[in-house]
Amino acid sequence: MRFPNIFCFVNSWFAAHPNSVCMTYFEHLRFSGGLASTLLIGATKAIIHAIFPNIYITSTTELVNEMEKKLADAGCK
């Protein structure tokens, strides 16, 4: 029977890292997706700031502080 090998592969591929940070797969998916959207918005603001320096002056600093807080509050405590 090959089911245990397939299960071990799927578990190690999809759950090993989330489990190592005390999250389920779906908690990790939601958290990482949220970080990605925050970073995408931050990158957009940074590009706008690069072109128009008087717009989004403090957005990158605020983004870094927000990301640090989210990362500190997530996963294993």
C-alpha atoms as a PDB file:
ATOM      1  CA  MET A   1       0.000   0.000   0.000  1.00  0.00           C
ATOM      2  CA  ARG A   2       1.346   3.456  -0.905  1.00  0.00           C
ATOM      3  CA  PHE A   3      -1.036   5.612   1.126  1.00  0.00           C
ATOM      4  CA  PRO A   4       1.301   6.166   4.086  1.00  0.00           C
ATOM      5  CA  ASN A   5       4.059   7.393   1.770  1.00  0.00           C
ATOM      6  CA  ILE A   6       1.698   9.787   0.004  1.00  0.00           C
ATOM      7  CA  PHE A   7       0.335  11.025   3.332  1.00  0.00           C
ATOM      8  CA  CYS A   8       3.849  11.600   4.679  1.00  0.00           C
ATOM      9  CA  PHE A   9       4.807  13.525   1.541  1.00  0.00           C
ATOM     10  CA  VAL A  10       1.689  15.700   1.625  1.00  0.00           C
ATOM     11  CA  ASN A  11       2.073  16.293   5.349  1.00  0.00           C
ATOM     12  CA  SER A  12       5.733  17.229   5.053  1.00  0.00           C
ATOM     13  CA  TRP A  13       5.145  19.439   2.016  1.00  0.00           C
ATOM     14  CA  PHE A  14       2.105  21.362   3.297  1.00  0.00           C
ATOM     15  CA  ALA A  15       2.182  21.124   7.094  1.00  0.00           C
ATOM     16  CA  ALA A  16       5.788  20.899   8.286  1.00  0.00           C
ATOM     17  CA  HIS A  17       6.570  24.618   8.227  1.00  0.00           C
ATOM     18  CA  PRO A  18       3.162  25.812   9.479  1.00  0.00           C
ATOM     19  CA  ASN A  19       3.411  23.329  12.351  1.00  0.00           C
ATOM     20  CA  SER A  20       6.918  24.571  13.164  1.00  0.00           C
ATOM     21  CA  VAL A  21       5.486  28.062  13.731  1.00  0.00           C
ATOM     22  CA  CYS A  22       2.489  26.746  15.697  1.00  0.00           C
ATOM     23  CA  MET A  23      -0.097  27.279  12.960  1.00  0.00           C
ATOM     24  CA  THR A  24      -2.348  25.050  10.962  1.00  0.00           C
ATOM     25  CA  TYR A  25      -2.002  25.033   7.196  1.00  0.00           C
ATOM     26  CA  PHE A  26      -5.019  27.327   6.785  1.00  0.00           C
ATOM     27  CA  GLU A  27      -3.935  29.717   9.553  1.00  0.00           C
ATOM     28  CA  HIS A  28      -0.556  29.991   7.838  1.00  0.00           C
ATOM     29  CA  LEU A  29      -2.202  30.467   4.441  1.00  0.00           C
ATOM     30  CA  ARG A  30      -4.358  33.299   5.785  1.00  0.00           C
ATOM     31  CA  PHE A  31      -1.472  34.929   7.672  1.00  0.00           C
ATOM     32  CA  SER A  32       0.985  34.741   4.764  1.00  0.00           C
ATOM     33  CA  GLY A  33      -1.647  35.937   2.300  1.00  0.00           C
ATOM     34  CA  GLY A  34      -2.323  38.910   4.562  1.00  0.00           C
ATOM     35  CA  LEU A  35       1.362  39.741   4.701  1.00  0.00           C
ATOM     36  CA  ALA A  36       1.588  39.493   0.918  1.00  0.00           C
ATOM     37  CA  SER A  37      -1.303  41.910   0.431  1.00  0.00           C
ATOM     38  CA  THR A  38       0.191  44.331   2.965  1.00  0.00           C
ATOM     39  CA  LEU A  39       3.539  44.182   1.151  1.00  0.00           C
ATOM     40  CA  LEU A  40       1.875  44.689  -2.232  1.00  0.00           C
ATOM     41  CA  ILE A  41       0.117  47.812  -0.972  1.00  0.00           C
ATOM     42  CA  GLY A  42       3.389  49.005   0.580  1.00  0.00           C
ATOM     43  CA  ALA A  43       5.294  48.440  -2.664  1.00  0.00           C
ATOM     44  CA  THR A  44       2.665  50.393  -4.580  1.00  0.00           C
ATOM     45  CA  LYS A  45       2.936  53.286  -2.130  1.00  0.00           C
ATOM     46  CA  ALA A  46       6.744  53.180  -2.368  1.00  0.00           C
ATOM     47  CA  ILE A  47       6.607  53.422  -6.166  1.00  0.00           C
ATOM     48  CA  ILE A  48       4.180  56.340  -5.952  1.00  0.00           C
ATOM     49  CA  HIS A  49       6.461  57.986  -3.374  1.00  0.00           C
ATOM     50  CA  ALA A  50       9.481  57.487  -5.634  1.00  0.00           C
ATOM     51  CA  ILE A  51       7.720  59.383  -8.419  1.00  0.00           C
ATOM     52  CA  PHE A  52       5.944  61.951  -6.207  1.00  0.00           C
ATOM     53  CA  PRO A  53       8.132  62.471  -3.108  1.00  0.00           C
ATOM     54  CA  ASN A  54       5.504  64.472  -1.215  1.00  0.00           C
ATOM     55  CA  ILE A  55       3.024  61.559  -1.225  1.00  0.00           C
ATOM     56  CA  TYR A  56       3.220  58.644   1.258  1.00  0.00           C
ATOM     57  CA  ILE A  57       6.206  60.170   3.045  1.00  0.00           C
ATOM     58  CA  THR A  58       6.043  57.884   6.106  1.00  0.00           C
ATOM     59  CA  SER A  59       4.314  54.871   4.580  1.00  0.00           C
ATOM     60  CA  THR A  60       7.387  52.625   4.429  1.00  0.00           C
ATOM     61  CA  THR A  61       8.268  53.259   8.079  1.00  0.00           C
ATOM     62  CA  GLU A  62       4.663  52.579   9.055  1.00  0.00           C
ATOM     63  CA  LEU A  63       4.681  49.390   6.967  1.00  0.00           C
ATOM     64  CA  VAL A  64       7.861  48.104   8.636  1.00  0.00           C
ATOM     65  CA  ASN A  65       6.402  48.795  12.094  1.00  0.00           C
ATOM     66  CA  GLU A  66       3.130  47.072  11.155  1.00  0.00           C
ATOM     67  CA  MET A  67       4.973  44.035   9.778  1.00  0.00           C
ATOM     68  CA  GLU A  68       7.156  43.750  12.885  1.00  0.00           C
ATOM     69  CA  LYS A  69       4.053  43.773  15.095  1.00  0.00           C
ATOM     70  CA  LYS A  70       2.220  41.200  12.953  1.00  0.00           C
ATOM     71  CA  LEU A  71       5.229  38.880  12.953  1.00  0.00           C
ATOM     72  CA  ALA A  72       5.780  39.261  16.697  1.00  0.00           C
ATOM     73  CA  ASP A  73       2.123  38.479  17.441  1.00  0.00           C
ATOM     74  CA  ALA A  74       1.902  35.439  15.129  1.00  0.00           C
ATOM     75  CA  GLY A  75       2.719  31.803  15.659  1.00  0.00           C
ATOM     76  CA  CYS A  76       4.475  30.365  18.699  1.00  0.00           C
ATOM     77  CA  LYS A  77       4.532  32.491  21.786  1.00  0.00           C
END
